[in-house]
Amino acid sequence: MLKKLAKWLTILSLLALFVYTFVHPLLIPIAHLKKEFPKETAMMKYRREQFEREGKPFILRYYPVPLNKISPYLVKAVLIAEDDKFYRHEGFDWDALQKALEKNLKEGKIKYGGSTISQQLAKNLFLSPSKNPIRKIKEAILTVRLEKALGKRRILELYLNIAEWGPGVFGAEAASRYYFGKSALALSPFEAVRLAAVLPNPLKYNPLSHEPFVEKRSRILLTLLKKRGILKEELKELKQDLPKDEFKEEGKEETQTEDKAPGIAPEKESEEAPSKDGSPGEGEDRPKDNPLPKSLPQ
């Protein structure tokens, strides 16, 4: 009798696991995302609960805007940094996944993800940051659904509006106001690459800091924007105001001027009304540690 009961419990447990892993992602509604921005994502909820557990105050800064209200410099810098083949794949970059697997095996731990923007959107919208296999399967199913239902432009628009950019800071508009005191549309090339550079770990790295990781990625992204013809006269003006070691002339540091994305990034580890002038909400202070040089173009 006990053996029979144990057998049925095992079968039911496996069935529940199957439903949770493969069926649940198919039942999550996504059609409304074609025209609406989410009020709160799974990642926002996760961070809110995390901060509460740690006894830290959590202020959600999240101001969704249309894609045409985000600086083209930021859009292109994010694509280069996070998913250089975005418009050439159907949700998965198999080459990046293979490289990530090889690096993880070499280091003996799961550190690199190789996730596309579509995969990151699925995770940020609906799932937790967990790296377990079940979560990755659910992410894959949701990625396929998002690609089919929304299309590339909407996926990119949603991603740029819900991506995490700091403690409680979600989306390009909130990040632009929080760090630079301006709208996302008004970002300069230099500010855009600084924001794109910290996406792999926005709670660890600050766009305003001069940490080697941020400096190196920003320099590579700026160089790639130039080589791909995205920057023209703007780059000449920008270089005049950059610190001497901020930009390497082409050819002087070959490893950083190669025409490819910065590489596979490590996996990413109460609301205020926005003010009318595009600056942070009343009472909202921008980070002041390691500010950018005042001479940089705004």
C-alpha atoms as a PDB file:
ATOM      1  CA  MET A   1       0.000   0.000   0.000  1.00  0.00           C
ATOM      2  CA  LEU A   2       2.769   2.417   0.959  1.00  0.00           C
ATOM      3  CA  LYS A   3       4.729   1.563  -2.189  1.00  0.00           C
ATOM      4  CA  LYS A   4       1.667   2.247  -4.321  1.00  0.00           C
ATOM      5  CA  LEU A   5       1.071   5.571  -2.565  1.00  0.00           C
ATOM      6  CA  ALA A   6       4.705   6.571  -3.023  1.00  0.00           C
ATOM      7  CA  LYS A   7       4.465   5.692  -6.710  1.00  0.00           C
ATOM      8  CA  TRP A   8       1.397   7.903  -7.202  1.00  0.00           C
ATOM      9  CA  LEU A   9       2.966  10.748  -5.267  1.00  0.00           C
ATOM     10  CA  THR A  10       6.011  10.539  -7.521  1.00  0.00           C
ATOM     11  CA  ILE A  11       3.838  10.575 -10.645  1.00  0.00           C
ATOM     12  CA  LEU A  12       1.817  13.544  -9.383  1.00  0.00           C
ATOM     13  CA  SER A  13       4.997  15.433  -8.462  1.00  0.00           C
ATOM     14  CA  LEU A  14       6.466  14.887 -11.925  1.00  0.00           C
ATOM     15  CA  LEU A  15       3.179  15.947 -13.526  1.00  0.00           C
ATOM     16  CA  ALA A  16       3.094  19.118 -11.409  1.00  0.00           C
ATOM     17  CA  LEU A  17       6.696  19.870 -12.366  1.00  0.00           C
ATOM     18  CA  PHE A  18       5.858  19.371 -16.043  1.00  0.00           C
ATOM     19  CA  VAL A  19       2.860  21.707 -15.835  1.00  0.00           C
ATOM     20  CA  TYR A  20       4.862  24.337 -13.935  1.00  0.00           C
ATOM     21  CA  THR A  21       7.757  24.174 -16.383  1.00  0.00           C
ATOM     22  CA  PHE A  22       6.081  23.750 -19.759  1.00  0.00           C
ATOM     23  CA  VAL A  23       2.391  24.652 -19.422  1.00  0.00           C
ATOM     24  CA  HIS A  24       2.503  27.671 -17.094  1.00  0.00           C
ATOM     25  CA  PRO A  25       4.606  29.805 -19.511  1.00  0.00           C
ATOM     26  CA  LEU A  26       1.987  29.157 -22.199  1.00  0.00           C
ATOM     27  CA  LEU A  27      -0.794  30.514 -19.993  1.00  0.00           C
ATOM     28  CA  ILE A  28       0.822  33.837 -19.075  1.00  0.00           C
ATOM     29  CA  PRO A  29      -1.050  36.625 -20.925  1.00  0.00           C
ATOM     30  CA  ILE A  30       1.138  38.729 -23.211  1.00  0.00           C
ATOM     31  CA  ALA A  31      -1.249  40.133 -25.845  1.00  0.00           C
ATOM     32  CA  HIS A  32      -1.814  43.324 -23.823  1.00  0.00           C
ATOM     33  CA  LEU A  33       1.902  44.119 -24.093  1.00  0.00           C
ATOM     34  CA  LYS A  34       1.428  45.031 -27.752  1.00  0.00           C
ATOM     35  CA  LYS A  35       0.011  48.389 -26.682  1.00  0.00           C
ATOM     36  CA  GLU A  36       0.505  48.662 -22.922  1.00  0.00           C
ATOM     37  CA  PHE A  37       3.482  48.974 -20.615  1.00  0.00           C
ATOM     38  CA  PRO A  38       3.396  46.763 -17.509  1.00  0.00           C
ATOM     39  CA  LYS A  39       2.540  48.496 -14.238  1.00  0.00           C
ATOM     40  CA  GLU A  40       5.099  46.341 -12.439  1.00  0.00           C
ATOM     41  CA  THR A  41       7.379  43.575 -13.698  1.00  0.00           C
ATOM     42  CA  ALA A  42       8.535  40.430 -11.929  1.00  0.00           C
ATOM     43  CA  MET A  43      11.988  41.991 -11.536  1.00  0.00           C
ATOM     44  CA  MET A  44      10.561  45.147  -9.953  1.00  0.00           C
ATOM     45  CA  LYS A  45       8.570  43.016  -7.513  1.00  0.00           C
ATOM     46  CA  TYR A  46      11.634  40.890  -6.762  1.00  0.00           C
ATOM     47  CA  ARG A  47      13.755  43.963  -5.982  1.00  0.00           C
ATOM     48  CA  ARG A  48      11.013  45.498  -3.847  1.00  0.00           C
ATOM     49  CA  GLU A  49      10.786  42.330  -1.732  1.00  0.00           C
ATOM     50  CA  GLN A  50      14.580  42.025  -1.582  1.00  0.00           C
ATOM     51  CA  PHE A  51      14.968  45.581  -0.289  1.00  0.00           C
ATOM     52  CA  GLU A  52      12.204  45.038   2.273  1.00  0.00           C
ATOM     53  CA  ARG A  53      13.879  41.861   3.563  1.00  0.00           C
ATOM     54  CA  GLU A  54      17.138  43.772   3.956  1.00  0.00           C
ATOM     55  CA  GLY A  55      15.398  46.663   5.703  1.00  0.00           C
ATOM     56  CA  LYS A  56      16.256  49.128   2.937  1.00  0.00           C
ATOM     57  CA  PRO A  57      13.864  51.764   1.556  1.00  0.00           C
ATOM     58  CA  PHE A  58      12.668  51.039  -1.973  1.00  0.00           C
ATOM     59  CA  ILE A  59      11.610  53.871  -4.279  1.00  0.00           C
ATOM     60  CA  LEU A  60      10.460  52.740  -7.713  1.00  0.00           C
ATOM     61  CA  ARG A  61      11.555  55.072 -10.508  1.00  0.00           C
ATOM     62  CA  TYR A  62       9.811  53.918 -13.674  1.00  0.00           C
ATOM     63  CA  TYR A  63       8.549  56.260 -16.401  1.00  0.00           C
ATOM     64  CA  PRO A  64       7.743  54.366 -19.640  1.00  0.00           C
ATOM     65  CA  VAL A  65       8.113  56.340 -22.876  1.00  0.00           C
ATOM     66  CA  PRO A  66       7.746  55.483 -26.593  1.00  0.00           C
ATOM     67  CA  LEU A  67      10.830  54.305 -28.449  1.00  0.00           C
ATOM     68  CA  ASN A  68      11.022  57.586 -30.372  1.00  0.00           C
ATOM     69  CA  LYS A  69      11.471  59.398 -27.037  1.00  0.00           C
ATOM     70  CA  ILE A  70      14.711  57.542 -26.324  1.00  0.00           C
ATOM     71  CA  SER A  71      18.039  58.764 -27.701  1.00  0.00           C
ATOM     72  CA  PRO A  72      19.126  56.839 -30.826  1.00  0.00           C
ATOM     73  CA  TYR A  73      22.598  56.797 -29.283  1.00  0.00           C
ATOM     74  CA  LEU A  74      21.299  54.827 -26.301  1.00  0.00           C
ATOM     75  CA  VAL A  75      19.231  52.488 -28.471  1.00  0.00           C
ATOM     76  CA  LYS A  76      22.232  51.628 -30.654  1.00  0.00           C
ATOM     77  CA  ALA A  77      24.668  51.422 -27.734  1.00  0.00           C
ATOM     78  CA  VAL A  78      22.389  48.974 -25.909  1.00  0.00           C
ATOM     79  CA  LEU A  79      21.971  46.832 -29.024  1.00  0.00           C
ATOM     80  CA  ILE A  80      25.742  46.660 -29.516  1.00  0.00           C
ATOM     81  CA  ALA A  81      26.415  45.929 -25.852  1.00  0.00           C
ATOM     82  CA  GLU A  82      23.640  43.446 -25.113  1.00  0.00           C
ATOM     83  CA  ASP A  83      22.539  41.825 -28.370  1.00  0.00           C
ATOM     84  CA  ASP A  84      24.478  42.723 -31.497  1.00  0.00           C
ATOM     85  CA  LYS A  85      22.492  40.219 -33.601  1.00  0.00           C
ATOM     86  CA  PHE A  86      19.080  41.345 -32.341  1.00  0.00           C
ATOM     87  CA  TYR A  87      17.582  41.896 -35.791  1.00  0.00           C
ATOM     88  CA  ARG A  88      19.158  38.735 -37.214  1.00  0.00           C
ATOM     89  CA  HIS A  89      17.907  36.090 -34.764  1.00  0.00           C
ATOM     90  CA  GLU A  90      14.481  34.835 -33.748  1.00  0.00           C
ATOM     91  CA  GLY A  91      14.993  35.120 -30.017  1.00  0.00           C
ATOM     92  CA  PHE A  92      18.182  33.137 -29.417  1.00  0.00           C
ATOM     93  CA  ASP A  93      21.803  33.786 -30.347  1.00  0.00           C
ATOM     94  CA  TRP A  94      23.184  30.254 -30.534  1.00  0.00           C
ATOM     95  CA  ASP A  95      26.781  31.399 -31.047  1.00  0.00           C
ATOM     96  CA  ALA A  96      26.624  33.551 -27.908  1.00  0.00           C
ATOM     97  CA  LEU A  97      25.052  30.684 -25.948  1.00  0.00           C
ATOM     98  CA  GLN A  98      27.826  28.334 -27.044  1.00  0.00           C
ATOM     99  CA  LYS A  99      30.517  30.823 -26.029  1.00  0.00           C
ATOM    100  CA  ALA A 100      28.797  31.357 -22.683  1.00  0.00           C
ATOM    101  CA  LEU A 101      28.665  27.597 -22.091  1.00  0.00           C
ATOM    102  CA  GLU A 102      32.354  27.239 -22.893  1.00  0.00           C
ATOM    103  CA  LYS A 103      33.270  30.075 -20.514  1.00  0.00           C
ATOM    104  CA  ASN A 104      31.071  28.663 -17.746  1.00  0.00           C
ATOM    105  CA  LEU A 105      32.650  25.206 -18.116  1.00  0.00           C
ATOM    106  CA  LYS A 106      36.112  26.759 -18.047  1.00  0.00           C
ATOM    107  CA  GLU A 107      35.380  28.715 -14.855  1.00  0.00           C
ATOM    108  CA  GLY A 108      33.407  25.895 -13.245  1.00  0.00           C
ATOM    109  CA  LYS A 109      30.349  28.010 -12.478  1.00  0.00           C
ATOM    110  CA  ILE A 110      27.427  29.710 -14.193  1.00  0.00           C
ATOM    111  CA  LYS A 111      28.664  33.255 -14.690  1.00  0.00           C
ATOM    112  CA  TYR A 112      27.901  34.050 -18.338  1.00  0.00           C
ATOM    113  CA  GLY A 113      24.445  33.901 -19.848  1.00  0.00           C
ATOM    114  CA  GLY A 114      24.656  34.788 -23.525  1.00  0.00           C
ATOM    115  CA  SER A 115      21.034  35.914 -23.320  1.00  0.00           C
ATOM    116  CA  THR A 116      19.481  38.010 -26.066  1.00  0.00           C
ATOM    117  CA  ILE A 117      17.387  41.104 -25.428  1.00  0.00           C
ATOM    118  CA  SER A 118      14.295  38.973 -26.085  1.00  0.00           C
ATOM    119  CA  GLN A 119      15.360  36.466 -23.409  1.00  0.00           C
ATOM    120  CA  GLN A 120      16.176  39.242 -20.948  1.00  0.00           C
ATOM    121  CA  LEU A 121      12.764  40.786 -21.570  1.00  0.00           C
ATOM    122  CA  ALA A 122      11.023  37.469 -20.848  1.00  0.00           C
ATOM    123  CA  LYS A 123      12.962  37.097 -17.608  1.00  0.00           C
ATOM    124  CA  ASN A 124      12.468  40.679 -16.448  1.00  0.00           C
ATOM    125  CA  LEU A 125       8.749  40.687 -17.227  1.00  0.00           C
ATOM    126  CA  PHE A 126       7.700  37.346 -15.788  1.00  0.00           C
ATOM    127  CA  LEU A 127      10.454  35.424 -13.979  1.00  0.00           C
ATOM    128  CA  SER A 128      13.039  35.623 -11.210  1.00  0.00           C
ATOM    129  CA  PRO A 129      16.803  36.168 -11.621  1.00  0.00           C
ATOM    130  CA  SER A 130      17.367  32.508 -10.656  1.00  0.00           C
ATOM    131  CA  LYS A 131      19.728  30.571 -12.924  1.00  0.00           C
ATOM    132  CA  ASN A 132      18.180  27.122 -12.414  1.00  0.00           C
ATOM    133  CA  PRO A 133      17.318  24.970 -15.480  1.00  0.00           C
ATOM    134  CA  ILE A 134      13.548  25.157 -14.939  1.00  0.00           C
ATOM    135  CA  ARG A 135      13.615  28.958 -15.047  1.00  0.00           C
ATOM    136  CA  LYS A 136      15.705  28.849 -18.230  1.00  0.00           C
ATOM    137  CA  ILE A 137      13.186  26.511 -19.901  1.00  0.00           C
ATOM    138  CA  LYS A 138      10.308  28.822 -18.973  1.00  0.00           C
ATOM    139  CA  GLU A 139      12.332  31.769 -20.252  1.00  0.00           C
ATOM    140  CA  ALA A 140      12.866  30.018 -23.591  1.00  0.00           C
ATOM    141  CA  ILE A 141       9.145  29.303 -24.024  1.00  0.00           C
ATOM    142  CA  LEU A 142       8.236  32.890 -23.174  1.00  0.00           C
ATOM    143  CA  THR A 143      10.921  34.210 -25.518  1.00  0.00           C
ATOM    144  CA  VAL A 144       9.391  32.343 -28.459  1.00  0.00           C
ATOM    145  CA  ARG A 145       5.956  33.702 -27.566  1.00  0.00           C
ATOM    146  CA  LEU A 146       7.203  37.288 -27.268  1.00  0.00           C
ATOM    147  CA  GLU A 147       9.010  37.123 -30.610  1.00  0.00           C
ATOM    148  CA  LYS A 148       5.885  35.858 -32.374  1.00  0.00           C
ATOM    149  CA  ALA A 149       3.389  38.150 -30.648  1.00  0.00           C
ATOM    150  CA  LEU A 150       5.233  41.468 -30.390  1.00  0.00           C
ATOM    151  CA  GLY A 151       7.867  41.803 -33.086  1.00  0.00           C
ATOM    152  CA  LYS A 152      11.344  43.310 -32.819  1.00  0.00           C
ATOM    153  CA  ARG A 153      10.445  46.988 -32.438  1.00  0.00           C
ATOM    154  CA  ARG A 154       8.027  46.413 -29.564  1.00  0.00           C
ATOM    155  CA  ILE A 155      10.396  43.983 -27.832  1.00  0.00           C
ATOM    156  CA  LEU A 156      13.157  46.599 -27.964  1.00  0.00           C
ATOM    157  CA  GLU A 157      10.787  49.329 -26.768  1.00  0.00           C
ATOM    158  CA  LEU A 158       9.652  47.239 -23.800  1.00  0.00           C
ATOM    159  CA  TYR A 159      13.186  46.183 -22.915  1.00  0.00           C
ATOM    160  CA  LEU A 160      14.508  49.743 -22.859  1.00  0.00           C
ATOM    161  CA  ASN A 161      11.614  50.761 -20.621  1.00  0.00           C
ATOM    162  CA  ILE A 162      11.875  48.000 -18.013  1.00  0.00           C
ATOM    163  CA  ALA A 163      15.613  47.227 -17.923  1.00  0.00           C
ATOM    164  CA  GLU A 164      17.157  47.673 -14.481  1.00  0.00           C
ATOM    165  CA  TRP A 165      19.613  50.580 -14.276  1.00  0.00           C
ATOM    166  CA  GLY A 166      20.162  51.010 -10.560  1.00  0.00           C
ATOM    167  CA  PRO A 167      18.483  50.609  -7.145  1.00  0.00           C
ATOM    168  CA  GLY A 168      14.798  51.070  -7.955  1.00  0.00           C
ATOM    169  CA  VAL A 169      15.683  52.604 -11.334  1.00  0.00           C
ATOM    170  CA  PHE A 170      13.941  50.907 -14.258  1.00  0.00           C
ATOM    171  CA  GLY A 171      13.913  52.024 -17.862  1.00  0.00           C
ATOM    172  CA  ALA A 172      15.831  54.519 -19.975  1.00  0.00           C
ATOM    173  CA  GLU A 173      13.756  57.542 -18.969  1.00  0.00           C
ATOM    174  CA  ALA A 174      14.137  56.910 -15.241  1.00  0.00           C
ATOM    175  CA  ALA A 175      17.871  56.204 -15.638  1.00  0.00           C
ATOM    176  CA  SER A 176      18.433  59.373 -17.658  1.00  0.00           C
ATOM    177  CA  ARG A 177      16.679  61.525 -15.066  1.00  0.00           C
ATOM    178  CA  TYR A 178      18.298  59.778 -12.105  1.00  0.00           C
ATOM    179  CA  TYR A 179      21.894  59.927 -13.321  1.00  0.00           C
ATOM    180  CA  PHE A 180      21.970  62.895 -15.700  1.00  0.00           C
ATOM    181  CA  GLY A 181      18.939  65.025 -14.829  1.00  0.00           C
ATOM    182  CA  LYS A 182      17.524  64.983 -18.353  1.00  0.00           C
ATOM    183  CA  SER A 183      15.108  63.041 -20.529  1.00  0.00           C
ATOM    184  CA  ALA A 184      16.181  59.876 -22.339  1.00  0.00           C
ATOM    185  CA  LEU A 185      15.808  61.671 -25.669  1.00  0.00           C
ATOM    186  CA  ALA A 186      18.346  64.345 -24.650  1.00  0.00           C
ATOM    187  CA  LEU A 187      21.200  61.944 -23.810  1.00  0.00           C
ATOM    188  CA  SER A 188      24.565  62.695 -25.389  1.00  0.00           C
ATOM    189  CA  PRO A 189      26.617  59.887 -26.990  1.00  0.00           C
ATOM    190  CA  PHE A 190      28.914  59.731 -23.978  1.00  0.00           C
ATOM    191  CA  GLU A 191      26.018  59.499 -21.508  1.00  0.00           C
ATOM    192  CA  ALA A 192      24.386  56.831 -23.664  1.00  0.00           C
ATOM    193  CA  VAL A 193      27.415  54.536 -23.671  1.00  0.00           C
ATOM    194  CA  ARG A 194      27.845  54.975 -19.915  1.00  0.00           C
ATOM    195  CA  LEU A 195      24.296  53.745 -19.350  1.00  0.00           C
ATOM    196  CA  ALA A 196      24.708  50.848 -21.773  1.00  0.00           C
ATOM    197  CA  ALA A 197      27.995  49.863 -20.138  1.00  0.00           C
ATOM    198  CA  VAL A 198      26.475  49.085 -16.725  1.00  0.00           C
ATOM    199  CA  LEU A 199      23.572  46.896 -17.887  1.00  0.00           C
ATOM    200  CA  PRO A 200      25.330  43.601 -17.010  1.00  0.00           C
ATOM    201  CA  ASN A 201      25.225  44.514 -13.306  1.00  0.00           C
ATOM    202  CA  PRO A 202      23.459  47.835 -12.626  1.00  0.00           C
ATOM    203  CA  LEU A 203      23.450  47.384  -8.850  1.00  0.00           C
ATOM    204  CA  LYS A 204      27.216  46.955  -8.759  1.00  0.00           C
ATOM    205  CA  TYR A 205      28.268  49.525 -11.350  1.00  0.00           C
ATOM    206  CA  ASN A 206      27.348  53.206 -11.601  1.00  0.00           C
ATOM    207  CA  PRO A 207      27.373  55.102 -14.931  1.00  0.00           C
ATOM    208  CA  LEU A 208      28.892  58.098 -13.142  1.00  0.00           C
ATOM    209  CA  SER A 209      31.811  56.143 -11.707  1.00  0.00           C
ATOM    210  CA  HIS A 210      35.291  55.737 -13.147  1.00  0.00           C
ATOM    211  CA  GLU A 211      35.600  52.029 -12.394  1.00  0.00           C
ATOM    212  CA  PRO A 212      37.749  50.112 -14.908  1.00  0.00           C
ATOM    213  CA  PHE A 213      34.818  47.924 -16.020  1.00  0.00           C
ATOM    214  CA  VAL A 214      32.640  50.933 -16.825  1.00  0.00           C
ATOM    215  CA  GLU A 215      35.492  52.880 -18.425  1.00  0.00           C
ATOM    216  CA  LYS A 216      36.565  50.021 -20.684  1.00  0.00           C
ATOM    217  CA  ARG A 217      33.077  49.090 -21.891  1.00  0.00           C
ATOM    218  CA  SER A 218      32.172  52.746 -22.460  1.00  0.00           C
ATOM    219  CA  ARG A 219      35.296  53.285 -24.537  1.00  0.00           C
ATOM    220  CA  ILE A 220      34.642  50.179 -26.647  1.00  0.00           C
ATOM    221  CA  LEU A 221      31.015  51.136 -27.249  1.00  0.00           C
ATOM    222  CA  LEU A 222      31.955  54.688 -28.178  1.00  0.00           C
ATOM    223  CA  THR A 223      34.513  53.385 -30.661  1.00  0.00           C
ATOM    224  CA  LEU A 224      32.000  51.006 -32.239  1.00  0.00           C
ATOM    225  CA  LEU A 225      29.421  53.767 -32.567  1.00  0.00           C
ATOM    226  CA  LYS A 226      32.017  55.734 -34.502  1.00  0.00           C
ATOM    227  CA  LYS A 227      33.165  52.851 -36.707  1.00  0.00           C
ATOM    228  CA  ARG A 228      29.598  52.029 -37.688  1.00  0.00           C
ATOM    229  CA  GLY A 229      28.919  55.594 -38.759  1.00  0.00           C
ATOM    230  CA  ILE A 230      26.547  56.394 -35.920  1.00  0.00           C
ATOM    231  CA  LEU A 231      28.789  59.180 -34.636  1.00  0.00           C
ATOM    232  CA  LYS A 232      30.185  61.828 -36.951  1.00  0.00           C
ATOM    233  CA  GLU A 233      30.763  65.437 -35.949  1.00  0.00           C
ATOM    234  CA  GLU A 234      29.394  64.634 -32.491  1.00  0.00           C
ATOM    235  CA  LEU A 235      32.379  62.380 -31.815  1.00  0.00           C
ATOM    236  CA  LYS A 236      34.898  65.091 -32.690  1.00  0.00           C
ATOM    237  CA  GLU A 237      33.280  67.456 -30.216  1.00  0.00           C
ATOM    238  CA  LEU A 238      33.049  64.708 -27.641  1.00  0.00           C
ATOM    239  CA  LYS A 239      36.721  63.747 -27.862  1.00  0.00           C
ATOM    240  CA  GLN A 240      37.801  67.315 -27.109  1.00  0.00           C
ATOM    241  CA  ASP A 241      36.069  67.169 -23.729  1.00  0.00           C
ATOM    242  CA  LEU A 242      37.005  63.632 -22.703  1.00  0.00           C
ATOM    243  CA  PRO A 243      39.847  62.934 -20.261  1.00  0.00           C
ATOM    244  CA  LYS A 244      43.020  61.951 -22.155  1.00  0.00           C
ATOM    245  CA  ASP A 245      42.750  58.270 -21.233  1.00  0.00           C
ATOM    246  CA  GLU A 246      39.024  58.089 -21.944  1.00  0.00           C
ATOM    247  CA  PHE A 247      39.360  57.523 -25.669  1.00  0.00           C
ATOM    248  CA  LYS A 248      42.089  55.587 -27.459  1.00  0.00           C
ATOM    249  CA  GLU A 249      42.859  56.587 -31.005  1.00  0.00           C
ATOM    250  CA  GLU A 250      42.124  53.889 -33.548  1.00  0.00           C
ATOM    251  CA  GLY A 251      45.058  51.540 -33.967  1.00  0.00           C
ATOM    252  CA  LYS A 252      46.696  52.296 -30.610  1.00  0.00           C
ATOM    253  CA  GLU A 253      44.791  49.611 -28.768  1.00  0.00           C
ATOM    254  CA  GLU A 254      43.704  47.010 -31.289  1.00  0.00           C
ATOM    255  CA  THR A 255      41.875  44.780 -28.825  1.00  0.00           C
ATOM    256  CA  GLN A 256      39.459  47.580 -28.006  1.00  0.00           C
ATOM    257  CA  THR A 257      38.815  48.876 -31.507  1.00  0.00           C
ATOM    258  CA  GLU A 258      37.927  45.561 -33.127  1.00  0.00           C
ATOM    259  CA  ASP A 259      34.506  45.882 -34.737  1.00  0.00           C
ATOM    260  CA  LYS A 260      32.548  43.627 -32.435  1.00  0.00           C
ATOM    261  CA  ALA A 261      30.411  43.969 -29.344  1.00  0.00           C
ATOM    262  CA  PRO A 262      32.050  44.122 -25.898  1.00  0.00           C
ATOM    263  CA  GLY A 263      31.407  40.403 -25.435  1.00  0.00           C
ATOM    264  CA  ILE A 264      29.106  38.214 -23.411  1.00  0.00           C
ATOM    265  CA  ALA A 265      28.133  40.075 -20.301  1.00  0.00           C
ATOM    266  CA  PRO A 266      27.812  38.315 -16.937  1.00  0.00           C
ATOM    267  CA  GLU A 267      24.231  37.520 -15.903  1.00  0.00           C
ATOM    268  CA  LYS A 268      22.598  40.334 -14.072  1.00  0.00           C
ATOM    269  CA  GLU A 269      22.557  39.730 -10.629  1.00  0.00           C
ATOM    270  CA  SER A 270       6.907  53.730  -3.677  1.00  0.00           C
ATOM    271  CA  GLU A 271       6.593  55.711  -6.870  1.00  0.00           C
ATOM    272  CA  GLU A 272       7.198  59.395  -7.441  1.00  0.00           C
ATOM    273  CA  ALA A 273       5.453  61.414 -10.115  1.00  0.00           C
ATOM    274  CA  PRO A 274       7.822  62.735 -12.783  1.00  0.00           C
ATOM    275  CA  SER A 275       8.255  66.456 -13.021  1.00  0.00           C
ATOM    276  CA  LYS A 276       7.160  68.248 -16.177  1.00  0.00           C
ATOM    277  CA  ASP A 277      10.583  69.469 -17.149  1.00  0.00           C
ATOM    278  CA  GLY A 278      12.047  65.976 -17.396  1.00  0.00           C
ATOM    279  CA  SER A 279      14.208  66.338 -14.299  1.00  0.00           C
ATOM    280  CA  PRO A 280      13.953  63.895 -11.371  1.00  0.00           C
ATOM    281  CA  GLY A 281      10.812  64.024  -9.265  1.00  0.00           C
ATOM    282  CA  GLU A 282      10.675  66.406  -6.350  1.00  0.00           C
ATOM    283  CA  GLY A 283      12.908  65.277  -3.541  1.00  0.00           C
ATOM    284  CA  GLU A 284      14.761  62.796  -5.760  1.00  0.00           C
ATOM    285  CA  ASP A 285      18.519  63.120  -5.480  1.00  0.00           C
ATOM    286  CA  ARG A 286      20.852  61.953  -8.197  1.00  0.00           C
ATOM    287  CA  PRO A 287      24.034  60.097  -7.226  1.00  0.00           C
ATOM    288  CA  LYS A 288      26.864  62.520  -6.572  1.00  0.00           C
ATOM    289  CA  ASP A 289      29.819  60.180  -6.058  1.00  0.00           C
ATOM    290  CA  ASN A 290      32.418  60.343  -8.822  1.00  0.00           C
ATOM    291  CA  PRO A 291      30.528  62.819 -11.031  1.00  0.00           C
ATOM    292  CA  LEU A 292      31.371  63.125 -14.700  1.00  0.00           C
ATOM    293  CA  PRO A 293      33.609  66.033 -15.722  1.00  0.00           C
ATOM    294  CA  LYS A 294      31.601  69.238 -16.003  1.00  0.00           C
ATOM    295  CA  SER A 295      33.005  69.909 -19.449  1.00  0.00           C
ATOM    296  CA  LEU A 296      31.226  66.949 -21.019  1.00  0.00           C
ATOM    297  CA  PRO A 297      28.529  67.897 -23.526  1.00  0.00           C
ATOM    298  CA  GLN A 298      25.000  67.720 -22.226  1.00  0.00           C
END
